[in-house]
Amino acid sequence: MYEILAKRPLGPGIQEYVIHAPDVARVGRAGQFVVLRLHERGERIPLTIVDCDPATGGVTLVVQEVGKSTREMGERFHKGDSVLDLAGPLGLPSDIERFGTVVCVGGGLGIAPLYPIVRDLKKAGNTVIGIIGARNRDLVFYEDRMAAVCDELRVMTDDGSYGRKGYVSDALRDVLSTRRDVARAWAIGPAIMMKVCVAVTKEFGVPTIVSLNSVMIDGTGMCGGCRVEVAGATKFACVDGPEFDGHGVDFDLLMSRQKFYAEEEACSLERYLATRKDASTS
C-alpha cells in the first residue's frame, strides 16, 4: 500500500498528490511515469512523475478527473488514505543536456509533466523560454513553479481570461519568429496541440520532443496498446518513450487510437456515477 502524504487542488477537477513510494522517489527522473492502481478492482492508470523527494519518499503526481478511475481517486482518496499499487519508474527519462536556448510548451495538463523537464534543463545551463496555456484562467496551474525555472515565461488562455488570448502554438510561433538561436523545443499536452506545435517548429527547422499519451495498459511493452508510428516505424510509448521526435510522429493515428475505448470508458464512468448516486440516497 502506498500512502497519500498530501493532496491539494490545482484547478477545477485537477488534483496534485504526493504519494509515499520511496523506491520510485529514489531513482525517478524527468520524463518517466508510474502506473497506479487504486484497489483490487481498479484499472491501471499511467501518470507522469512531476517530482521526486528521496528524503521523504514522496512522488508528486497531477491527476485530472476525467474518467471513472480519476474521478474515483479525486472523490474517495485523500491525505492519509493509501492506493494499492504504484509501479515505476517506467519509460525512458528525458534527454537533458546543455543545448543552449530551448523553448518548452505545455498545454492543459501537459504543464505538469513539462515542469520537471524545464527544471532540469535550467539546471543543465540552458536558457529556457517557457510557454504554458489552458482553456481559461481557472485551469492554469504551476505558473509560479514554471516562472522560477524559466528565463522567460508566456501564459496563454483560449478565452483571454488570463495572460494573452490565443493558443500556445501562437506564442511558440512568435518566439521562433524573433529568436533564431533556439536549439530545441519540447511540447507536451493534448495530441492536437502537440501536432500543431510540431508543425510550427518544423517550419523553423527546430528539433522538437513530444510526450505521447497513447492508450496504455501494462506499461512494460507486453500489451501493445500504446503503439505509435514514428518516422514510419512502430514504437511503444511505454518502453521506447514516452518522448519521441515530434517531427516523425503520426498524430492522426495517435488521435484515432486514443478514441479506441471511448465507448467502454463512457460506460464505466456512467456505472460509477450511478453507483455513487445510489450510495448517496441509501
Protein backbone atom coordinates (compact mmCIF):
# COMPACT_ATOMS: atom_id res chain seq x y z
CA MET A 1 0.00 0.00 0.00
CA TYR A 2 1.20 3.49 -0.85
CA GLU A 3 0.08 6.28 1.47
CA ILE A 4 -1.08 9.65 0.18
CA LEU A 5 1.12 12.15 2.02
CA ALA A 6 -0.53 15.27 0.61
CA LYS A 7 -3.33 16.32 -1.71
CA ARG A 8 -4.25 19.76 -2.98
CA PRO A 9 -6.44 21.15 -5.77
CA LEU A 10 -4.74 22.94 -8.65
CA GLY A 11 -7.91 23.83 -10.52
CA PRO A 12 -11.38 22.50 -11.30
CA GLY A 13 -11.05 18.73 -11.46
CA ILE A 14 -7.24 18.85 -11.18
CA GLN A 15 -5.52 17.45 -8.08
CA GLU A 16 -1.90 17.23 -7.02
CA TYR A 17 -0.95 14.17 -4.94
CA VAL A 18 2.23 13.31 -3.10
CA ILE A 19 2.35 9.55 -2.61
CA HIS A 20 4.84 7.69 -0.43
CA ALA A 21 6.82 5.44 -2.80
CA PRO A 22 10.46 5.60 -1.63
CA ASP A 23 11.85 3.21 -4.24
CA VAL A 24 10.41 5.33 -7.04
CA ALA A 25 11.38 8.59 -5.35
CA ARG A 26 14.99 7.45 -5.11
CA VAL A 27 15.52 6.86 -8.85
CA GLY A 28 12.65 8.53 -10.75
CA ARG A 29 13.69 11.10 -13.37
CA ALA A 30 12.04 13.75 -15.52
CA GLY A 31 10.04 12.25 -18.38
CA GLN A 32 9.30 8.95 -16.67
CA PHE A 33 5.95 7.74 -15.38
CA VAL A 34 4.31 5.34 -12.95
CA VAL A 35 1.31 3.03 -13.24
CA LEU A 36 -1.11 3.41 -10.35
CA ARG A 37 -3.99 1.18 -9.24
CA LEU A 38 -6.42 2.36 -6.58
CA HIS A 39 -7.66 -1.02 -5.35
CA GLU A 40 -8.09 -4.66 -6.33
CA ARG A 41 -10.79 -3.86 -8.89
CA GLY A 42 -9.12 -0.70 -10.14
CA GLU A 43 -7.75 -0.14 -13.62
CA ARG A 44 -4.10 0.68 -14.25
CA ILE A 45 -3.56 4.42 -14.70
CA PRO A 46 -0.32 5.77 -16.24
CA LEU A 47 0.72 9.07 -14.64
CA THR A 48 3.83 11.11 -15.38
CA ILE A 49 6.18 11.81 -12.48
CA VAL A 50 6.15 15.51 -11.62
CA ASP A 51 8.67 15.44 -8.77
CA CYS A 52 10.54 13.04 -6.50
CA ASP A 53 11.80 13.65 -2.97
CA PRO A 54 14.20 10.91 -1.88
CA ALA A 55 14.32 12.38 1.64
CA THR A 56 10.60 11.85 2.30
CA GLY A 57 9.98 9.13 -0.27
CA GLY A 58 7.29 11.31 -1.84
CA VAL A 59 6.39 11.11 -5.52
CA THR A 60 4.33 14.00 -6.89
CA LEU A 61 1.61 13.28 -9.45
CA VAL A 62 -1.01 15.53 -11.04
CA VAL A 63 -4.36 13.94 -11.90
CA GLN A 64 -7.21 15.35 -13.96
CA GLU A 65 -10.59 13.87 -13.12
CA VAL A 66 -11.99 12.84 -16.49
CA GLY A 67 -12.80 9.11 -16.36
CA LYS A 68 -14.08 6.61 -13.84
CA SER A 69 -10.79 5.93 -12.04
CA THR A 70 -9.56 9.51 -11.90
CA ARG A 71 -12.98 10.69 -10.67
CA GLU A 72 -12.96 7.98 -8.02
CA MET A 73 -9.46 8.95 -6.95
CA GLY A 74 -10.45 12.59 -6.59
CA GLU A 75 -13.63 11.88 -4.67
CA ARG A 76 -12.62 8.98 -2.43
CA PHE A 77 -8.86 9.15 -1.86
CA HIS A 78 -7.44 11.80 0.42
CA LYS A 79 -4.42 12.53 2.60
CA GLY A 80 -3.80 9.55 4.89
CA ASP A 81 -5.51 7.06 2.55
CA SER A 82 -3.49 4.56 0.54
CA VAL A 83 -3.57 3.31 -3.04
CA LEU A 84 -2.91 -0.35 -3.73
CA ASP A 85 -0.18 -0.20 -6.39
CA LEU A 86 2.31 2.31 -7.70
CA ALA A 87 4.77 0.73 -10.14
CA GLY A 88 7.70 2.59 -11.62
CA PRO A 89 9.62 4.46 -12.68
CA LEU A 90 8.69 3.37 -16.20
CA GLY A 91 9.66 4.69 -19.61
CA LEU A 92 12.84 6.42 -20.68
CA PRO A 93 13.91 9.65 -18.93
CA SER A 94 14.17 12.91 -20.81
CA ASP A 95 17.37 13.67 -22.69
CA ILE A 96 18.75 16.52 -20.59
CA GLU A 97 21.93 18.30 -21.65
CA ARG A 98 23.15 21.79 -22.40
CA PHE A 99 21.59 22.67 -25.77
CA GLY A 100 21.70 26.47 -25.47
CA THR A 101 18.32 28.16 -25.85
CA VAL A 102 15.26 25.93 -25.62
CA VAL A 103 11.51 26.50 -25.81
CA CYS A 104 9.23 24.39 -23.63
CA VAL A 105 5.49 24.38 -24.32
CA GLY A 106 2.84 22.93 -22.01
CA GLY A 107 -0.86 22.83 -22.76
CA GLY A 108 -3.53 21.95 -20.19
CA LEU A 109 -2.48 19.04 -18.00
CA GLY A 110 0.74 18.86 -20.04
CA ILE A 111 2.08 21.66 -17.83
CA ALA A 112 2.63 19.08 -15.08
CA PRO A 113 4.99 16.70 -16.93
CA LEU A 114 6.69 19.66 -18.60
CA TYR A 115 7.74 21.22 -15.28
CA PRO A 116 10.44 18.68 -14.25
CA ILE A 117 11.91 18.78 -17.76
CA VAL A 118 12.14 22.57 -17.65
CA ARG A 119 13.63 22.43 -14.15
CA ASP A 120 16.35 20.01 -15.23
CA LEU A 121 17.07 21.86 -18.48
CA LYS A 122 17.64 25.02 -16.46
CA LYS A 123 19.93 23.15 -14.05
CA ALA A 124 21.93 21.94 -17.06
CA GLY A 125 22.68 25.55 -18.03
CA ASN A 126 20.12 26.19 -20.76
CA THR A 127 18.32 29.43 -21.44
CA VAL A 128 14.69 28.37 -21.10
CA ILE A 129 11.71 30.09 -22.68
CA GLY A 130 8.52 28.63 -21.23
CA ILE A 131 5.03 28.75 -22.70
CA ILE A 132 2.01 27.42 -20.82
CA GLY A 133 -1.65 27.61 -21.68
CA ALA A 134 -5.13 26.39 -20.87
CA ARG A 135 -8.74 26.96 -21.90
CA ASN A 136 -9.27 29.58 -19.20
CA ARG A 137 -7.72 31.21 -16.14
CA ASP A 138 -9.01 28.62 -13.66
CA LEU A 139 -7.16 25.81 -15.47
CA VAL A 140 -3.75 27.50 -15.46
CA PHE A 141 -1.54 25.96 -12.77
CA TYR A 142 2.14 25.76 -11.79
CA GLU A 143 2.72 29.27 -13.11
CA ASP A 144 4.85 30.09 -10.07
CA ARG A 145 6.89 26.90 -10.33
CA MET A 146 7.46 27.39 -14.04
CA ALA A 147 8.42 31.04 -13.61
CA ALA A 148 11.05 30.03 -11.05
CA VAL A 149 12.89 27.83 -13.59
CA CYS A 150 12.33 29.79 -16.81
CA ASP A 151 14.28 32.79 -18.08
CA GLU A 152 11.05 33.92 -19.73
CA LEU A 153 7.51 32.62 -19.29
CA ARG A 154 4.49 33.31 -21.51
CA VAL A 155 0.96 32.42 -20.42
CA MET A 156 -1.88 31.86 -22.87
CA THR A 157 -5.60 31.20 -22.43
CA ASP A 158 -8.03 30.26 -25.19
CA ASP A 159 -10.64 32.76 -23.97
CA GLY A 160 -8.25 35.54 -22.96
CA SER A 161 -9.31 35.42 -19.30
CA TYR A 162 -5.65 35.40 -18.24
CA GLY A 163 -2.34 36.12 -19.88
CA ARG A 164 -2.59 36.54 -23.64
CA LYS A 165 -5.59 35.34 -25.63
CA GLY A 166 -4.77 32.56 -28.04
CA TYR A 167 -3.10 29.18 -28.22
CA VAL A 168 0.32 28.08 -27.05
CA SER A 169 1.21 27.46 -30.70
CA ASP A 170 0.68 31.19 -31.35
CA ALA A 171 3.21 32.08 -28.67
CA LEU A 172 5.58 29.43 -30.00
CA ARG A 173 5.43 30.96 -33.48
CA ASP A 174 6.14 34.39 -32.02
CA VAL A 175 9.22 33.11 -30.18
CA LEU A 176 10.62 31.26 -33.18
CA SER A 177 9.98 34.27 -35.42
CA THR A 178 12.10 36.53 -33.23
CA ARG A 179 14.66 34.11 -31.78
CA ARG A 180 16.94 32.38 -34.27
CA ASP A 181 19.05 30.75 -31.57
CA VAL A 182 16.50 28.16 -30.38
CA ALA A 183 18.26 24.79 -30.45
CA ARG A 184 15.41 22.51 -29.35
CA ALA A 185 11.78 22.55 -28.30
CA TRP A 186 9.54 20.43 -26.10
CA ALA A 187 5.76 20.30 -26.48
CA ILE A 188 3.53 18.37 -24.08
CA GLY A 189 -0.25 18.42 -23.94
CA PRO A 190 -3.27 17.18 -25.88
CA ALA A 191 -2.38 15.39 -29.10
CA ILE A 192 -3.90 18.07 -31.33
CA MET A 193 -1.92 20.76 -29.51
CA MET A 194 1.33 18.83 -29.97
CA LYS A 195 0.52 18.26 -33.64
CA VAL A 196 0.09 21.98 -34.25
CA CYS A 197 3.21 22.91 -32.28
CA VAL A 198 5.26 20.37 -34.22
CA ALA A 199 4.01 21.85 -37.50
CA VAL A 200 5.22 25.26 -36.31
CA THR A 201 8.68 24.10 -35.24
CA LYS A 202 9.08 22.15 -38.48
CA GLU A 203 8.72 25.42 -40.41
CA PHE A 204 11.66 26.82 -38.48
CA GLY A 205 13.75 23.65 -38.51
CA VAL A 206 13.80 23.28 -34.72
CA PRO A 207 14.06 19.68 -33.39
CA THR A 208 11.05 19.01 -31.15
CA ILE A 209 10.37 16.44 -28.47
CA VAL A 210 6.82 15.39 -27.60
CA SER A 211 5.49 13.12 -24.84
CA LEU A 212 2.82 10.78 -26.16
CA ASN A 213 -0.27 9.95 -24.11
CA SER A 214 -1.35 6.87 -26.06
CA VAL A 215 -3.63 4.19 -24.59
CA MET A 216 -1.56 2.18 -22.13
CA ILE A 217 -2.35 -0.89 -20.04
CA ASP A 218 0.62 -2.77 -18.58
CA GLY A 219 3.34 -0.16 -19.16
CA THR A 220 6.03 -2.75 -19.92
CA GLY A 221 5.66 -3.30 -23.67
CA MET A 222 3.68 -6.54 -23.45
CA CYS A 223 0.13 -5.49 -24.37
CA GLY A 224 0.91 -3.36 -27.42
CA GLY A 225 -1.87 -0.95 -26.59
CA CYS A 226 0.40 2.10 -26.63
CA ARG A 227 1.93 1.50 -30.04
CA VAL A 228 2.55 4.58 -32.14
CA GLU A 229 4.13 5.27 -35.51
CA VAL A 230 7.29 7.38 -35.50
CA ALA A 231 9.16 8.01 -38.75
CA GLY A 232 7.32 5.06 -40.29
CA ALA A 233 8.36 2.61 -37.57
CA THR A 234 6.18 1.07 -34.87
CA LYS A 235 7.18 2.13 -31.36
CA PHE A 236 5.73 1.53 -27.91
CA ALA A 237 5.24 4.65 -25.81
CA CYS A 238 5.81 2.76 -22.56
CA VAL A 239 9.27 1.35 -23.31
CA ASP A 240 10.54 3.34 -26.31
CA GLY A 241 9.14 6.62 -24.98
CA PRO A 242 7.06 8.32 -23.82
CA GLU A 243 9.16 11.03 -25.51
CA PHE A 244 9.74 10.94 -29.26
CA ASP A 245 10.90 13.13 -32.13
CA GLY A 246 7.73 15.08 -32.79
CA HIS A 247 8.53 15.61 -36.46
CA GLY A 248 8.22 11.87 -37.05
CA VAL A 249 5.03 11.13 -35.10
CA ASP A 250 1.87 10.11 -36.93
CA PHE A 251 -0.50 12.25 -34.86
CA ASP A 252 -3.60 11.32 -36.85
CA LEU A 253 -3.05 7.66 -35.98
CA LEU A 254 -2.34 8.57 -32.35
CA MET A 255 -5.59 10.51 -32.04
CA SER A 256 -7.52 7.73 -33.71
CA ARG A 257 -6.16 5.13 -31.30
CA GLN A 258 -6.91 7.38 -28.30
CA LYS A 259 -10.62 7.01 -29.15
CA PHE A 260 -10.47 3.21 -29.42
CA TYR A 261 -12.07 2.56 -26.00
CA ALA A 262 -14.19 5.71 -25.82
CA GLU A 263 -17.47 3.77 -25.58
CA GLU A 264 -16.18 1.46 -22.83
CA GLU A 265 -14.74 4.40 -20.91
CA ALA A 266 -18.06 6.24 -21.07
CA CYS A 267 -19.94 3.15 -19.85
CA SER A 268 -17.50 2.67 -16.97
CA LEU A 269 -17.90 6.27 -15.86
CA GLU A 270 -21.68 6.04 -16.16
CA ARG A 271 -21.77 2.95 -13.93
CA TYR A 272 -19.53 4.61 -11.36
CA LEU A 273 -21.69 7.73 -11.24
CA ALA A 274 -24.81 5.61 -10.89
CA THR A 275 -23.25 3.65 -8.02
CA ARG A 276 -22.25 6.88 -6.32
CA LYS A 277 -25.77 8.25 -6.71
CA ASP A 278 -27.31 5.06 -5.28
CA ALA A 279 -24.96 5.20 -2.29
CA SER A 280 -25.88 8.80 -1.55
CA THR A 281 -29.60 8.02 -1.48
CA SER A 282 -29.43 4.80 0.53
